[in-house]
Structures are given as C-alpha cells and as structure tokens.
Amino acid sequence: MANVALLSNPNSTGNRSILPEVRSYCVKNSDVFHYEVDDVDEIAKALETIARVKPKVLVINGGDGTVQAALTELYHGGHFGDNPPPVAVLPNGKTNLIALDLGAEGNPLKALERIVEMAKHDLHEHLVDRELIALSDGEEGSKVVLGMFLGGAGLSEFILYCRHKIYPLGLPNTAAHILTAFAALASVLFGLRAKFLPNRPSPIKISLIRDGQYSGNFAVLIVTTLEKLLLMKRFVRSKQGKGRMQFMAIDQQTGAILRFIWAVVSGRLGKTAQKGIHFEHGDMIRIEGKNSNVLMDGELFQAQEGHPIVLKTTKPVSFLRLAA
C-alpha cells in the first residue's frame, strides 16, 4: 500500500505549470497514490477510493476551494471511519495560508518529496491538531462548510478586489498582494473612491457567544483557527482561548488602521491592548448585516437580514507539519 495519497485538482491555477512534474514523480514513486479530480464535486468519490489504500498521509494539491471541499468531505464523509489520516497541504494556492501555517513553503514538488520521505518513518512528532471552522446559517439541517480562515468586512472586499482586478494582470503573487495593500490603504485610510479601488465595507455586527458583541464599520475582520497568518509570525492566542476560534477586528478609523500597521511592522501586534483593535475568542460567532460578505478559504458567503452567518469550531483534526 502507498504511504502517501495525493489528491490533485488539475484545474487549480497553481497546478497548470507544476502538475506535469508531479505526475511524473508519482509514476516513478510507488509510495504515492495519485488521484486527480476535475471538479470539487468528485472529491467524495476520490476520498472513498483513497480510503481503500489506507495511506499514512493525505496530501491536498489544489487551490483554496479544493482544500475546503476536501476538509469538508473528510470531516463529514466518514470514509476513513474513526481514524482519518493526517492532512498535509501543498503550497500551491495564491495565498497558501493553511500550507504556511503547517510549514509548507516554496516549490510544491519539493514539499511533496519531503512528505513522502517523512511518511517512511514515525510521524508522531510531526503531527499537530487544528480545529476547523464550521460555517452555516445556523438552521438545523443546513449545509455546513468547513475551513480554517475567514475574512470579512473590508478584508473580504480586498481579497475579491485582488482576485478580480489584480491577479488578472499576471503579476507575481508578492507584487499582487503589495499592490492590493496600497489600494486598500488608499480606500480605507484616505477615503479615496474610484472604479479601480476596492469597495468600502458595509456595517456588520459580530456576536461572540460568552465574550461580547461588536457592531459597526470594520476595515478588517479575521476569524481563524490557524496559528500563523500573513503579516504575523503567530496569531495571538490567549491561554483561556486556546483551542477555540480566534477573532480580530479593526475599526474603520484612521487612527486604528495606523496603530495596526505600526503594530505589525514593529512586531507588537496583540502584546498590548490598543484602541480600535479587537482580539477575542469564542465557541460561536454570529456575523449579521445586510449584504455582509465573508470569504472562508477563498469561497464567498453572504449574510442577509434575518439570515446570519454562524461559525462554530469542530473537534480537532490531525495535520502534518513540515516545519521543525
């Protein structure tokens, strides 16, 4: 049996250039069982097949939508019974937040080679547990989607702006993200309005069960179970909040945004309380507001009046960490 099962989506942007090399590597390596899907709807069948191989590690090779669909099906599908394999994510997306959190950076093929080598030995010391975020409308029997990073308020507008206006320019990812950051600052910090700039966010209300309630205009809203994020070496976690969703919101005020930028640059974010920058944690989070967009691992969701977005945590899922 193969030690490693690789689930690839050939239609993911990052795979258009690297997948031929990945295929060639898998053909030559009997330790890898490679399954390709042309659509995320095929992931259930893919995991059902992979379960018969009984791999030590499940590796996901695709964009944000592929990772989200695979995690959702892995958690709800029950294909592996009570013992699903740990999950590894190749750095093959635009932002790679989940891969970054797990120490996977650089060339996806190199990361795969390292995973295959690790799978030949005891993986215990390389495993970490992460909770997932379960997103639904809160109604019984409603569809539940699982992920690990959610961006809302202005952040969702900035991500959509980057996806639809900046990425098509064909710039390297780093350059695209820097350009998006400048455009975002021009919009929220200086109040500039133009067709080529991101939209300003609509007012939203965020309720944290047990821990309070926030409402108003936010430049940035983040809910995550990851430890590492872009611009931050490690996301702030309180001792009491360990193991639950972490929440950060920044008021859409010039002073709060400037304090946030300085805190990120100086490495002091979250070390001291700062006006307009909110850090909290909770078991359940409700996001309400007319046309309030949020993006979870790249997929867009929208809250409407009377139909909030409800976030809860799941039990821990095992992941393979490549970093020492």
Protein backbone atom coordinates (compact mmCIF):
# COMPACT_ATOMS: atom_id res chain seq x y z
CA MET A 1 0.00 0.00 0.00
CA ALA A 2 1.15 3.56 -0.67
CA ASN A 3 2.23 5.62 2.32
CA VAL A 4 1.00 8.87 0.76
CA ALA A 5 -2.27 9.62 -1.05
CA LEU A 6 -2.16 12.74 -3.21
CA LEU A 7 -5.44 14.42 -4.17
CA SER A 8 -4.92 16.88 -7.05
CA ASN A 9 -7.19 19.29 -8.87
CA PRO A 10 -5.69 19.90 -12.35
CA ASN A 11 -7.93 22.96 -12.82
CA SER A 12 -6.37 24.86 -9.92
CA THR A 13 -4.30 27.77 -11.18
CA GLY A 14 -1.10 26.66 -9.48
CA ASN A 15 -1.31 23.18 -10.99
CA ARG A 16 -1.26 24.34 -14.60
CA SER A 17 2.52 24.57 -14.54
CA ILE A 18 3.62 22.15 -11.81
CA LEU A 19 1.22 19.21 -12.33
CA PRO A 20 3.15 17.52 -15.20
CA GLU A 21 6.18 17.28 -12.89
CA VAL A 22 4.02 15.99 -10.06
CA ARG A 23 2.52 13.33 -12.31
CA SER A 24 5.96 12.21 -13.47
CA TYR A 25 7.17 12.00 -9.87
CA CYS A 26 4.16 9.93 -8.78
CA VAL A 27 4.51 7.48 -11.69
CA LYS A 28 8.11 6.77 -10.63
CA ASN A 29 7.32 6.53 -6.90
CA SER A 30 5.30 3.56 -5.65
CA ASP A 31 4.91 5.24 -2.23
CA VAL A 32 2.41 7.72 -3.74
CA PHE A 33 -1.17 7.01 -4.79
CA HIS A 34 -2.23 9.90 -7.04
CA TYR A 35 -5.91 10.71 -7.62
CA GLU A 36 -6.99 13.63 -9.80
CA VAL A 37 -10.40 15.31 -9.81
CA ASP A 38 -11.72 17.65 -12.49
CA ASP A 39 -14.28 19.21 -10.16
CA VAL A 40 -14.72 19.54 -6.39
CA ASP A 41 -17.93 17.51 -6.72
CA GLU A 42 -15.73 14.48 -7.39
CA ILE A 43 -13.88 14.74 -4.08
CA ALA A 44 -16.32 12.47 -2.21
CA LYS A 45 -15.68 9.65 -4.68
CA ALA A 46 -11.95 10.39 -4.57
CA LEU A 47 -11.77 10.04 -0.78
CA GLU A 48 -13.88 6.89 -0.89
CA THR A 49 -11.29 5.38 -3.24
CA ILE A 50 -8.31 6.72 -1.29
CA ALA A 51 -9.69 5.20 1.92
CA ARG A 52 -9.20 1.73 0.42
CA VAL A 53 -5.47 2.46 0.03
CA LYS A 54 -5.18 3.26 3.77
CA PRO A 55 -2.45 5.91 3.41
CA LYS A 56 -0.44 7.27 6.32
CA VAL A 57 -0.89 10.83 4.99
CA LEU A 58 -3.47 12.54 2.79
CA VAL A 59 -1.93 15.37 0.73
CA ILE A 60 -4.14 18.02 -0.88
CA ASN A 61 -2.80 19.62 -4.04
CA GLY A 62 -5.07 22.41 -5.26
CA GLY A 63 -6.40 25.87 -4.61
CA ASP A 64 -8.43 27.17 -1.68
CA GLY A 65 -11.67 25.68 -2.97
CA THR A 66 -10.11 22.24 -3.31
CA VAL A 67 -8.70 22.34 0.22
CA GLN A 68 -12.01 23.50 1.69
CA ALA A 69 -14.04 20.85 -0.17
CA ALA A 70 -11.61 18.10 0.82
CA LEU A 71 -11.63 19.08 4.51
CA THR A 72 -15.44 19.28 4.50
CA GLU A 73 -15.80 15.84 2.91
CA LEU A 74 -13.06 14.32 5.08
CA TYR A 75 -14.82 15.52 8.23
CA HIS A 76 -18.41 14.70 7.25
CA GLY A 77 -17.98 11.82 4.82
CA GLY A 78 -16.78 9.18 7.26
CA HIS A 79 -14.77 7.43 4.55
CA PHE A 80 -11.93 6.59 6.95
CA GLY A 81 -14.07 5.65 9.92
CA ASP A 82 -12.74 6.91 13.24
CA ASN A 83 -9.12 7.06 12.05
CA PRO A 84 -8.68 9.50 9.16
CA PRO A 85 -5.08 10.07 8.09
CA PRO A 86 -3.34 13.34 8.94
CA VAL A 87 -3.67 16.00 6.26
CA ALA A 88 -0.86 17.87 4.50
CA VAL A 89 -1.40 20.80 2.14
CA LEU A 90 0.98 21.65 -0.70
CA PRO A 91 1.81 25.38 -1.14
CA ASN A 92 0.01 25.61 -4.46
CA GLY A 93 -2.56 28.38 -3.96
CA LYS A 94 -2.40 32.15 -4.24
CA THR A 95 -2.03 32.89 -0.52
CA ASN A 96 -1.24 29.43 0.93
CA LEU A 97 -2.40 30.34 4.45
CA ILE A 98 -3.05 26.75 5.54
CA ALA A 99 0.17 25.49 3.96
CA LEU A 100 2.09 28.37 5.58
CA ASP A 101 0.64 27.52 8.98
CA LEU A 102 1.89 23.95 8.54
CA GLY A 103 5.37 24.97 7.42
CA ALA A 104 4.95 24.16 3.72
CA GLU A 105 6.57 26.88 1.61
CA GLY A 106 8.28 27.19 -1.75
CA ASN A 107 8.13 24.59 -4.51
CA PRO A 108 5.12 22.22 -4.17
CA LEU A 109 7.04 19.28 -5.63
CA LYS A 110 9.84 19.73 -3.09
CA ALA A 111 7.23 19.79 -0.33
CA LEU A 112 5.70 16.56 -1.69
CA GLU A 113 9.11 14.89 -1.78
CA ARG A 114 9.66 15.84 1.84
CA ILE A 115 6.26 14.47 2.86
CA VAL A 116 6.98 11.16 1.12
CA GLU A 117 10.29 10.88 2.97
CA MET A 118 8.64 11.73 6.31
CA ALA A 119 5.95 9.09 5.73
CA LYS A 120 8.61 6.37 5.69
CA HIS A 121 9.13 6.94 9.41
CA ASP A 122 7.09 7.56 12.54
CA LEU A 123 5.02 10.71 12.00
CA HIS A 124 4.00 11.27 15.62
CA GLU A 125 6.41 14.14 16.32
CA HIS A 126 5.32 15.95 13.13
CA LEU A 127 1.59 15.93 13.82
CA VAL A 128 -0.39 18.92 15.08
CA ASP A 129 -4.07 19.30 15.87
CA ARG A 130 -6.14 22.12 14.43
CA GLU A 131 -9.82 22.80 14.88
CA LEU A 132 -11.85 23.65 11.79
CA ILE A 133 -14.40 26.44 11.45
CA ALA A 134 -17.89 25.14 10.68
CA LEU A 135 -19.85 27.79 8.75
CA SER A 136 -23.64 27.62 8.32
CA ASP A 137 -26.74 29.79 8.57
CA GLY A 138 -27.47 28.33 11.99
CA GLU A 139 -30.61 26.45 10.92
CA GLU A 140 -30.92 22.76 11.76
CA GLY A 141 -30.04 20.61 8.76
CA SER A 142 -28.46 23.48 6.82
CA LYS A 143 -25.32 22.98 4.75
CA VAL A 144 -22.13 23.16 6.82
CA VAL A 145 -18.86 24.14 5.16
CA LEU A 146 -15.52 23.69 6.92
CA GLY A 147 -12.40 25.82 6.70
CA MET A 148 -9.65 27.42 8.77
CA PHE A 149 -9.57 31.10 7.80
CA LEU A 150 -12.38 33.61 7.33
CA GLY A 151 -12.00 37.21 6.24
CA GLY A 152 -14.81 39.74 6.42
CA ALA A 153 -15.60 43.46 6.43
CA GLY A 154 -13.05 45.29 4.27
CA LEU A 155 -10.77 42.26 4.15
CA SER A 156 -13.25 40.31 2.03
CA GLU A 157 -13.56 43.28 -0.32
CA PHE A 158 -9.77 43.49 -0.60
CA ILE A 159 -9.46 39.77 -1.34
CA LEU A 160 -12.16 39.96 -4.02
CA TYR A 161 -10.51 43.06 -5.46
CA CYS A 162 -7.16 41.26 -5.61
CA ARG A 163 -8.76 38.20 -7.21
CA HIS A 164 -10.76 40.04 -9.88
CA LYS A 165 -8.69 43.16 -10.58
CA ILE A 166 -5.05 42.43 -9.68
CA TYR A 167 -4.43 38.72 -10.34
CA PRO A 168 -5.58 39.05 -13.99
CA LEU A 169 -2.66 41.44 -14.53
CA GLY A 170 -0.35 38.43 -14.35
CA LEU A 171 1.90 39.84 -11.62
CA PRO A 172 3.84 37.60 -9.21
CA ASN A 173 1.84 36.85 -6.06
CA THR A 174 4.00 39.04 -3.83
CA ALA A 175 3.69 42.03 -6.17
CA ALA A 176 -0.08 41.48 -6.48
CA HIS A 177 -0.50 41.42 -2.69
CA ILE A 178 1.60 44.58 -2.23
CA LEU A 179 -0.40 46.42 -4.89
CA THR A 180 -3.64 45.29 -3.26
CA ALA A 181 -2.40 46.55 0.13
CA PHE A 182 -1.66 50.01 -1.30
CA ALA A 183 -5.08 50.14 -2.98
CA ALA A 184 -6.76 49.06 0.27
CA LEU A 185 -4.94 51.76 2.23
CA ALA A 186 -5.96 54.36 -0.33
CA SER A 187 -9.58 53.28 0.08
CA VAL A 188 -9.92 52.93 3.86
CA LEU A 189 -7.20 55.25 5.14
CA PHE A 190 -7.62 58.19 2.80
CA GLY A 191 -11.23 57.60 1.76
CA LEU A 192 -10.44 57.67 -1.97
CA ARG A 193 -13.18 56.50 -4.35
CA ALA A 194 -12.55 55.15 -7.83
CA LYS A 195 -13.54 52.23 -10.04
CA PHE A 196 -10.02 50.82 -9.78
CA LEU A 197 -10.08 50.80 -5.95
CA PRO A 198 -11.75 48.28 -3.57
CA ASN A 199 -15.30 48.89 -2.32
CA ARG A 200 -15.80 50.15 1.20
CA PRO A 201 -17.34 47.58 3.58
CA SER A 202 -20.95 47.67 4.76
CA PRO A 203 -21.74 47.88 8.51
CA ILE A 204 -21.82 44.48 10.19
CA LYS A 205 -22.49 43.13 13.67
CA ILE A 206 -20.36 40.37 15.20
CA SER A 207 -21.58 38.46 18.24
CA LEU A 208 -19.20 36.26 20.23
CA ILE A 209 -21.06 33.84 22.44
CA ARG A 210 -19.87 34.30 26.06
CA ASP A 211 -17.43 37.08 25.17
CA GLY A 212 -19.39 40.09 23.99
CA GLN A 213 -20.67 41.81 20.89
CA TYR A 214 -19.27 44.24 18.35
CA SER A 215 -21.06 46.22 15.67
CA GLY A 216 -20.07 48.95 13.25
CA ASN A 217 -17.72 49.50 10.33
CA PHE A 218 -14.58 47.39 10.33
CA ALA A 219 -11.62 47.71 7.99
CA VAL A 220 -10.60 44.14 8.73
CA LEU A 221 -12.34 41.11 10.23
CA ILE A 222 -10.49 37.81 10.72
CA VAL A 223 -11.74 34.59 12.28
CA THR A 224 -9.29 31.69 12.25
CA THR A 225 -8.06 28.52 13.90
CA LEU A 226 -4.64 28.89 12.25
CA GLU A 227 -1.62 29.92 14.28
CA LYS A 228 0.26 31.78 11.54
CA LEU A 229 -1.07 34.46 9.24
CA LEU A 230 0.31 36.76 6.59
CA LEU A 231 1.98 39.80 8.21
CA MET A 232 2.11 37.99 11.58
CA LYS A 233 4.59 35.37 12.72
CA ARG A 234 1.98 33.87 15.01
CA PHE A 235 -1.64 34.77 15.54
CA VAL A 236 -2.41 35.95 19.04
CA ARG A 237 -3.81 33.22 21.30
CA SER A 238 -4.83 33.74 24.89
CA LYS A 239 -4.38 30.91 27.38
CA GLN A 240 -8.10 30.86 28.10
CA GLY A 241 -8.93 30.89 24.40
CA LYS A 242 -6.63 28.07 23.34
CA GLY A 243 -8.42 25.58 21.17
CA ARG A 244 -11.17 27.97 20.07
CA MET A 245 -11.74 30.38 17.20
CA GLN A 246 -9.60 33.48 17.29
CA PHE A 247 -11.23 36.74 16.31
CA MET A 248 -9.64 40.04 15.25
CA ALA A 249 -11.39 43.18 14.05
CA ILE A 250 -10.01 46.62 13.24
CA ASP A 251 -12.28 49.64 13.32
CA GLN A 252 -12.57 51.56 10.08
CA GLN A 253 -10.92 54.61 11.60
CA THR A 254 -7.68 56.22 10.52
CA GLY A 255 -6.14 56.00 13.99
CA ALA A 256 -6.98 52.31 14.43
CA ILE A 257 -5.62 51.42 10.99
CA LEU A 258 -2.37 53.32 11.61
CA ARG A 259 -1.95 51.65 15.01
CA PHE A 260 -2.50 48.26 13.37
CA ILE A 261 0.09 48.92 10.65
CA TRP A 262 2.65 50.09 13.20
CA ALA A 263 1.95 47.08 15.46
CA VAL A 264 2.51 44.68 12.53
CA VAL A 265 5.73 46.42 11.41
CA SER A 266 7.13 46.58 14.96
CA GLY A 267 6.09 43.02 15.85
CA ARG A 268 3.96 44.20 18.78
CA LEU A 269 0.55 43.22 17.47
CA GLY A 270 -1.56 41.74 20.27
CA LYS A 271 1.03 42.30 23.01
CA THR A 272 -0.83 45.28 24.44
CA ALA A 273 -4.42 46.47 24.13
CA GLN A 274 -4.87 49.19 21.53
CA LYS A 275 -7.93 51.31 20.84
CA GLY A 276 -9.84 50.18 17.78
CA ILE A 277 -8.08 46.78 17.52
CA HIS A 278 -10.12 43.93 18.98
CA PHE A 279 -8.78 40.46 19.86
CA GLU A 280 -11.20 37.91 21.23
CA HIS A 281 -12.04 34.20 21.15
CA GLY A 282 -15.29 32.28 21.23
CA ASP A 283 -17.03 28.95 20.75
CA MET A 284 -19.64 30.50 18.45
CA ILE A 285 -19.56 33.66 16.36
CA ARG A 286 -22.51 35.23 14.52
CA ILE A 287 -21.98 37.70 11.67
CA GLU A 288 -25.00 39.80 10.76
CA GLY A 289 -25.70 42.70 8.45
CA LYS A 290 -27.26 43.43 5.08
CA ASN A 291 -25.07 42.10 2.25
CA SER A 292 -22.17 41.34 4.62
CA ASN A 293 -19.64 39.41 2.54
CA VAL A 294 -17.18 36.99 4.08
CA LEU A 295 -14.65 34.72 2.42
CA MET A 296 -13.70 31.41 4.01
CA ASP A 297 -10.64 29.84 2.42
CA GLY A 298 -11.44 31.62 -0.83
CA GLU A 299 -15.18 30.85 -1.07
CA LEU A 300 -17.67 33.71 -0.83
CA PHE A 301 -20.59 33.66 1.63
CA GLN A 302 -23.08 36.44 2.35
CA ALA A 303 -25.17 37.27 5.39
CA GLN A 304 -28.62 38.76 4.88
CA GLU A 305 -31.10 40.36 7.25
CA GLY A 306 -32.57 37.59 9.37
CA HIS A 307 -30.06 35.06 8.00
CA PRO A 308 -26.75 35.46 9.84
CA ILE A 309 -23.57 33.54 9.19
CA VAL A 310 -22.88 31.27 12.17
CA LEU A 311 -19.40 29.97 12.94
CA LYS A 312 -18.58 27.12 15.32
CA THR A 313 -15.48 25.05 15.94
CA THR A 314 -15.18 21.31 15.28
CA LYS A 315 -13.26 18.70 17.19
CA PRO A 316 -9.50 18.74 16.37
CA VAL A 317 -8.26 17.35 13.05
CA SER A 318 -4.72 15.99 12.67
CA PHE A 319 -2.37 17.74 10.23
CA LEU A 320 1.20 17.05 9.16
CA ARG A 321 3.56 19.92 9.94
CA LEU A 322 6.63 20.21 7.71
CA ALA A 323 8.39 22.84 9.81
CA ALA A 324 10.73 21.67 12.55
